[in-house]
Amino acid sequence: MFRNHPFGFILAVLLIPVAIGILILMWWYLKCRSTKLEFVGRDVVLERGLLSKNRTELSAESVRTVNVYQSLLDRMLGVGRLSIYTAGDEPEIEVLGIPRPHDFRDLIKQQQAAT
């Protein structure tokens, strides 16, 4: 959580004495824990949600473009935004604050090369 938004994290910690900080940190933690991006077989699977689930599956062969965006601070902290495109102009999967986004991009490229 700190690497994703360090200034927001520090602000939330400073607001703990007012009790708003605890609520912010709990909401943020649950939001982070309810998003999962993984490989299942040869598919890229994004699952979001804690009580109700939203699951998006893409075949690694259908991935056209993988875009990784990192600001200077993101690069220093090792996080970034990962966007996966298949056929259109809008990303099918977009995940913010993913640790080591280049490693996941490399995994997709390895899966594509294996076919």
Protein backbone atom coordinates (compact mmCIF):
# COMPACT_ATOMS: atom_id res chain seq x y z
CA MET A 1 0.00 0.00 0.00
CA PHE A 2 2.85 2.37 0.80
CA ARG A 3 4.60 1.71 -2.53
CA ASN A 4 1.37 2.24 -4.45
CA HIS A 5 0.62 5.72 -3.03
CA PRO A 6 3.26 6.78 -0.49
CA PHE A 7 1.88 10.28 0.11
CA GLY A 8 -1.67 9.00 0.56
CA PHE A 9 -0.42 6.37 3.00
CA ILE A 10 1.48 8.94 5.06
CA LEU A 11 -1.58 11.21 5.11
CA ALA A 12 -3.80 8.33 6.28
CA VAL A 13 -1.33 7.46 9.04
CA LEU A 14 -1.28 11.09 10.17
CA LEU A 15 -5.11 11.04 10.33
CA ILE A 16 -5.23 7.99 12.63
CA PRO A 17 -5.66 10.12 15.80
CA VAL A 18 -8.84 11.55 14.26
CA ALA A 19 -10.09 8.00 13.46
CA ILE A 20 -10.54 8.88 9.78
CA GLY A 21 -7.10 7.47 9.06
CA ILE A 22 -8.07 4.02 10.35
CA LEU A 23 -11.15 3.96 8.11
CA ILE A 24 -9.10 5.05 5.09
CA LEU A 25 -6.44 2.42 5.75
CA MET A 26 -9.03 -0.34 6.28
CA TRP A 27 -10.86 0.56 3.05
CA TRP A 28 -7.58 0.75 1.14
CA TYR A 29 -6.37 -2.58 2.54
CA LEU A 30 -9.62 -4.34 1.59
CA LYS A 31 -9.49 -2.82 -1.89
CA CYS A 32 -5.90 -4.07 -2.37
CA ARG A 33 -6.69 -7.53 -1.03
CA SER A 34 -9.76 -7.91 -3.23
CA THR A 35 -7.85 -7.58 -6.52
CA LYS A 36 -5.93 -10.58 -7.85
CA LEU A 37 -4.10 -10.88 -11.19
CA GLU A 38 -2.70 -14.30 -12.05
CA PHE A 39 -2.11 -16.98 -14.66
CA VAL A 40 -4.45 -19.97 -14.66
CA GLY A 41 -3.15 -22.43 -17.21
CA ARG A 42 -2.60 -20.32 -20.33
CA ASP A 43 -5.11 -17.62 -19.35
CA VAL A 44 -4.54 -14.24 -17.71
CA VAL A 45 -7.19 -13.88 -14.98
CA LEU A 46 -8.15 -10.67 -13.19
CA GLU A 47 -10.49 -11.14 -10.23
CA ARG A 48 -11.90 -8.18 -8.35
CA GLY A 49 -14.27 -7.99 -5.43
CA LEU A 50 -14.61 -9.09 -1.86
CA LEU A 51 -18.23 -10.14 -1.50
CA SER A 52 -19.33 -10.02 -5.13
CA LYS A 53 -16.73 -11.05 -7.70
CA ASN A 54 -15.91 -9.74 -11.16
CA ARG A 55 -13.65 -12.10 -13.11
CA THR A 56 -12.05 -11.35 -16.49
CA GLU A 57 -10.17 -14.08 -18.36
CA LEU A 58 -8.01 -13.58 -21.43
CA SER A 59 -6.14 -16.18 -23.40
CA ALA A 60 -2.44 -15.32 -23.55
CA GLU A 61 -2.50 -15.94 -27.32
CA SER A 62 -5.16 -13.22 -27.84
CA VAL A 63 -3.11 -10.49 -26.10
CA ARG A 64 -2.04 -7.91 -28.67
CA THR A 65 -0.31 -5.30 -26.49
CA VAL A 66 0.87 -5.04 -22.89
CA ASN A 67 1.45 -1.49 -21.69
CA VAL A 68 3.38 -0.71 -18.50
CA TYR A 69 3.30 2.85 -17.17
CA GLN A 70 5.52 3.97 -14.31
CA SER A 71 6.16 7.51 -13.11
CA LEU A 72 9.55 8.33 -11.61
CA LEU A 73 8.25 7.69 -8.09
CA ASP A 74 6.61 4.43 -9.24
CA ARG A 75 9.91 3.27 -10.71
CA MET A 76 11.75 4.08 -7.49
CA LEU A 77 9.16 2.12 -5.47
CA GLY A 78 8.84 -0.78 -7.95
CA VAL A 79 5.13 -0.43 -8.84
CA GLY A 80 3.21 0.60 -11.93
CA ARG A 81 0.06 0.42 -14.02
CA LEU A 82 -0.38 -2.62 -16.27
CA SER A 83 -2.80 -2.45 -19.22
CA ILE A 84 -3.52 -5.49 -21.40
CA TYR A 85 -5.10 -4.96 -24.83
CA THR A 86 -6.58 -7.58 -27.14
CA ALA A 87 -8.46 -6.17 -30.13
CA GLY A 88 -9.83 -2.71 -29.34
CA ASP A 89 -8.53 0.66 -28.28
CA GLU A 90 -9.57 0.19 -24.66
CA PRO A 91 -7.65 -2.17 -22.36
CA GLU A 92 -9.37 -5.43 -21.47
CA ILE A 93 -7.50 -5.53 -18.16
CA GLU A 94 -6.01 -2.59 -16.29
CA VAL A 95 -4.45 -2.88 -12.84
CA LEU A 96 -3.05 0.06 -10.90
CA GLY A 97 -0.29 -0.23 -8.34
CA ILE A 98 0.91 -3.69 -9.35
CA PRO A 99 4.33 -4.60 -7.91
CA ARG A 100 6.99 -5.39 -10.55
CA PRO A 101 4.74 -4.88 -13.61
CA HIS A 102 7.55 -5.71 -16.04
CA ASP A 103 7.80 -9.23 -14.58
CA PHE A 104 4.13 -9.88 -15.33
CA ARG A 105 4.56 -8.48 -18.85
CA ASP A 106 7.49 -10.86 -19.37
CA LEU A 107 5.34 -13.79 -18.18
CA ILE A 108 2.72 -12.94 -20.81
CA LYS A 109 5.39 -12.76 -23.51
CA GLN A 110 6.77 -16.16 -22.39
CA GLN A 111 3.29 -17.70 -22.60
CA GLN A 112 2.87 -16.29 -26.11
CA ALA A 113 6.26 -17.62 -27.22
CA ALA A 114 5.44 -21.09 -25.87
CA THR A 115 2.60 -21.51 -28.38
